[in-house]
């Protein structure tokens, strides 16, 4: 468990020490170190203090993550819309439960004012809540055909793993928007 300290702005966060264990990678449902052992130091921009170390993924780690994403996509694609909605709503609740911790980490690692960080975490939770509702409205449609004997319809099916890149300035909101939205299904004609 990380050591806790309170900094000058009243933010409770990890203690600044030089011997921090690097934050691991999350691959295939498990926390693991970088296969090459590389790490990156994270410094508080206001004080310059070392606040964390994170593992840097190697090419092999990325390949394992892509394989795990492909495998979990196959499972996720079989989950019905109502169950997806429940999962996304649970994510929204967990984000809100951890709002203070997440906001404090954002403030310490990025320098964002605590009030803005709290608001961003709330907005990130709202993304998951919004898309939880959208998950239940994934309708297909019937498309007019050139023949009375032919029926054309579309259904929405998962597209599989995607790469998503976000800007640094909204570290909770922008990834939440991409993750929540991609948790739904993309249209594909059948």
Protein backbone atom coordinates (compact mmCIF):
# COMPACT_ATOMS: atom_id res chain seq x y z
CA UNK A 1 0.00 0.00 0.00
CA UNK A 2 1.42 3.44 -0.88
CA UNK A 3 2.53 5.77 1.88
CA UNK A 4 0.20 8.76 2.29
CA UNK A 5 1.18 12.37 2.91
CA UNK A 6 -0.53 15.71 2.74
CA UNK A 7 1.09 18.37 0.56
CA UNK A 8 0.89 22.15 0.88
CA UNK A 9 -2.35 22.38 -1.11
CA UNK A 10 -4.05 19.93 1.25
CA UNK A 11 -3.97 17.12 -1.29
CA UNK A 12 -3.44 13.68 0.16
CA UNK A 13 -1.18 11.64 -2.10
CA UNK A 14 1.69 9.15 -2.18
CA UNK A 15 4.73 10.07 -0.16
CA UNK A 16 7.69 11.38 -2.13
CA UNK A 17 10.50 8.89 -1.76
CA UNK A 18 13.26 7.76 -4.07
CA UNK A 19 12.62 4.05 -3.49
CA UNK A 20 9.09 3.79 -4.87
CA UNK A 21 8.16 0.49 -6.44
CA UNK A 22 7.15 1.26 -10.02
CA UNK A 23 3.46 1.15 -10.79
CA UNK A 24 2.98 -2.06 -12.78
CA UNK A 25 1.39 -2.66 -16.17
CA UNK A 26 -2.10 -4.16 -16.35
CA UNK A 27 -2.13 -6.88 -18.99
CA UNK A 28 -4.67 -9.65 -19.39
CA UNK A 29 -6.34 -8.95 -16.05
CA UNK A 30 -3.08 -9.09 -14.09
CA UNK A 31 -0.66 -6.50 -12.72
CA UNK A 32 2.88 -7.15 -13.93
CA UNK A 33 6.21 -5.32 -14.21
CA UNK A 34 7.68 -4.28 -17.52
CA UNK A 35 9.39 -7.26 -19.13
CA UNK A 36 12.50 -5.11 -19.66
CA UNK A 37 12.33 -3.48 -16.22
CA UNK A 38 12.27 0.06 -17.61
CA UNK A 39 10.54 2.75 -15.56
CA UNK A 40 9.65 6.41 -15.87
CA UNK A 41 9.81 8.84 -12.95
CA UNK A 42 6.78 11.07 -12.32
CA UNK A 43 7.50 14.41 -10.63
CA UNK A 44 5.11 16.89 -9.02
CA UNK A 45 5.34 19.93 -11.33
CA UNK A 46 4.79 22.31 -8.39
CA UNK A 47 7.54 20.96 -6.14
CA UNK A 48 9.71 18.78 -8.36
CA UNK A 49 9.29 15.95 -5.84
CA UNK A 50 9.32 12.40 -7.14
CA UNK A 51 5.75 11.16 -6.62
CA UNK A 52 5.77 7.88 -8.49
CA UNK A 53 7.49 5.59 -10.92
CA UNK A 54 5.62 3.79 -13.68
CA UNK A 55 6.62 0.76 -15.68
CA UNK A 56 7.40 1.36 -19.35
CA UNK A 57 5.93 -1.25 -21.69
CA UNK A 58 8.34 -3.00 -24.03
CA UNK A 59 7.45 -4.25 -27.51
CA UNK A 60 6.86 -7.68 -25.99
CA UNK A 61 4.54 -6.18 -23.34
CA UNK A 62 2.53 -4.42 -26.06
CA UNK A 63 2.24 -7.67 -28.01
CA UNK A 64 0.95 -9.44 -24.87
CA UNK A 65 -1.52 -6.61 -24.23
CA UNK A 66 -2.82 -6.78 -27.82
CA UNK A 67 -3.28 -10.53 -27.54
CA UNK A 68 -5.10 -10.15 -24.21
CA UNK A 69 -7.31 -7.38 -25.66
CA UNK A 70 -8.25 -9.59 -28.58
CA UNK A 71 -9.14 -12.45 -26.25
CA UNK A 72 -11.23 -10.29 -23.90
CA UNK A 73 -12.99 -8.68 -26.88
CA UNK A 74 -14.24 -12.11 -27.91
CA UNK A 75 -15.83 -12.49 -24.46
CA UNK A 76 -17.16 -8.89 -24.33
CA UNK A 77 -18.78 -9.24 -27.76
CA UNK A 78 -21.11 -11.95 -26.38
CA UNK A 79 -22.39 -9.86 -23.45
CA UNK A 80 -25.94 -8.58 -23.93
CA UNK A 81 -26.72 -4.85 -24.00
CA UNK A 82 -28.40 -4.76 -20.57
CA UNK A 83 -25.43 -6.43 -18.92
CA UNK A 84 -23.04 -4.03 -20.65
CA UNK A 85 -25.13 -1.14 -19.35
CA UNK A 86 -24.89 -2.50 -15.80
CA UNK A 87 -21.12 -2.88 -16.09
CA UNK A 88 -20.66 0.66 -17.40
CA UNK A 89 -22.90 2.05 -14.65
CA UNK A 90 -20.80 0.18 -12.06
CA UNK A 91 -17.65 1.75 -13.53
CA UNK A 92 -19.26 5.20 -13.15
CA UNK A 93 -19.99 4.43 -9.50
CA UNK A 94 -16.46 3.22 -8.81
CA UNK A 95 -14.97 6.34 -10.39
CA UNK A 96 -17.18 8.52 -8.16
CA UNK A 97 -16.29 6.47 -5.07
CA UNK A 98 -12.59 7.14 -5.79
CA UNK A 99 -13.05 10.78 -6.87
CA UNK A 100 -10.86 12.26 -4.13
CA UNK A 101 -8.02 9.80 -4.68
CA UNK A 102 -8.09 10.20 -8.46
CA UNK A 103 -8.32 14.00 -8.24
CA UNK A 104 -5.43 14.16 -5.76
CA UNK A 105 -3.27 12.02 -8.04
CA UNK A 106 -4.09 14.24 -11.04
CA UNK A 107 -3.20 17.35 -9.05
CA UNK A 108 0.07 15.90 -7.85
CA UNK A 109 1.17 14.38 -11.15
CA UNK A 110 -0.07 17.08 -13.50
CA UNK A 111 -0.51 20.27 -11.48
CA UNK A 112 -4.22 20.68 -12.27
CA UNK A 113 -6.01 22.60 -9.49
CA UNK A 114 -7.80 20.19 -7.15
CA UNK A 115 -11.25 21.69 -7.81
CA UNK A 116 -10.78 21.22 -11.57
CA UNK A 117 -9.48 17.69 -11.06
CA UNK A 118 -12.56 16.81 -8.99
CA UNK A 119 -14.83 18.23 -11.69
CA UNK A 120 -12.99 16.27 -14.37
CA UNK A 121 -13.34 13.02 -12.44
CA UNK A 122 -17.07 13.70 -12.11
CA UNK A 123 -17.31 14.34 -15.85
CA UNK A 124 -15.40 11.09 -16.53
CA UNK A 125 -17.93 9.17 -14.41
CA UNK A 126 -20.75 10.84 -16.36
CA UNK A 127 -19.30 9.45 -19.60
CA UNK A 128 -19.64 5.90 -18.30
CA UNK A 129 -23.14 6.62 -17.00
CA UNK A 130 -24.21 8.18 -20.33
CA UNK A 131 -22.94 5.27 -22.38
CA UNK A 132 -24.56 2.83 -19.96
CA UNK A 133 -27.88 4.28 -21.15
CA UNK A 134 -26.74 4.25 -24.77
CA UNK A 135 -25.84 0.55 -24.53
CA UNK A 136 -29.55 -0.27 -24.25
CA UNK A 137 -30.38 1.75 -27.37
CA UNK A 138 -28.20 -0.04 -29.90
CA UNK A 139 -30.91 -0.51 -32.48
CA UNK A 140 -30.43 -2.00 -35.91
CA UNK A 141 -32.45 -0.83 -38.91
CA UNK A 142 -34.13 -2.14 -42.02
CA UNK A 143 -32.80 -0.71 -45.28
CA UNK A 144 -35.03 -0.50 -48.39
CA UNK A 145 -34.16 -3.16 -50.94
CA UNK A 146 -34.37 -3.21 -54.74
CA UNK A 147 -36.45 -6.40 -54.51
CA UNK A 148 -39.54 -7.41 -52.51
CA UNK A 149 -37.93 -10.82 -51.93
CA UNK A 150 -34.84 -9.34 -50.31
CA UNK A 151 -34.66 -7.89 -46.86
CA UNK A 152 -31.63 -5.82 -45.85
CA UNK A 153 -30.99 -4.98 -42.24
CA UNK A 154 -28.14 -3.73 -40.12
CA UNK A 155 -27.13 -4.83 -36.67
CA UNK A 156 -24.56 -3.41 -34.35
CA UNK A 157 -21.68 -5.68 -33.54
CA UNK A 158 -18.39 -5.15 -31.73
CA UNK A 159 -15.52 -3.97 -33.91
CA UNK A 160 -12.80 -5.40 -31.67
CA UNK A 161 -9.80 -3.77 -29.99
CA UNK A 162 -8.88 -0.25 -31.03
CA UNK A 163 -5.94 2.05 -30.30
CA UNK A 164 -7.05 5.30 -28.66
CA UNK A 165 -4.78 8.25 -27.98
CA UNK A 166 -5.68 11.25 -25.84
CA UNK A 167 -4.17 14.59 -24.91
CA UNK A 168 -2.37 15.07 -21.59
CA UNK A 169 -4.53 17.92 -20.28
CA UNK A 170 -7.65 15.88 -19.41
CA UNK A 171 -6.17 12.59 -18.14
CA UNK A 172 -9.45 11.24 -16.75
CA UNK A 173 -12.14 12.66 -19.04
CA UNK A 174 -10.68 11.97 -22.48
CA UNK A 175 -9.79 8.30 -21.89
CA UNK A 176 -13.16 7.77 -20.15
CA UNK A 177 -14.98 9.09 -23.20
CA UNK A 178 -13.09 6.75 -25.54
CA UNK A 179 -13.34 3.70 -23.27
CA UNK A 180 -17.04 4.15 -22.51
CA UNK A 181 -17.96 4.79 -26.13
CA UNK A 182 -15.91 1.87 -27.46
CA UNK A 183 -17.53 -0.39 -24.90
CA UNK A 184 -20.64 -0.19 -27.05
CA UNK A 185 -20.93 -1.61 -30.49
CA UNK A 186 -20.14 -0.10 -33.88
CA UNK A 187 -22.52 -0.47 -36.82
CA UNK A 188 -21.83 -3.16 -39.38
CA UNK A 189 -24.22 -4.31 -42.06
CA UNK A 190 -25.42 -7.93 -42.15
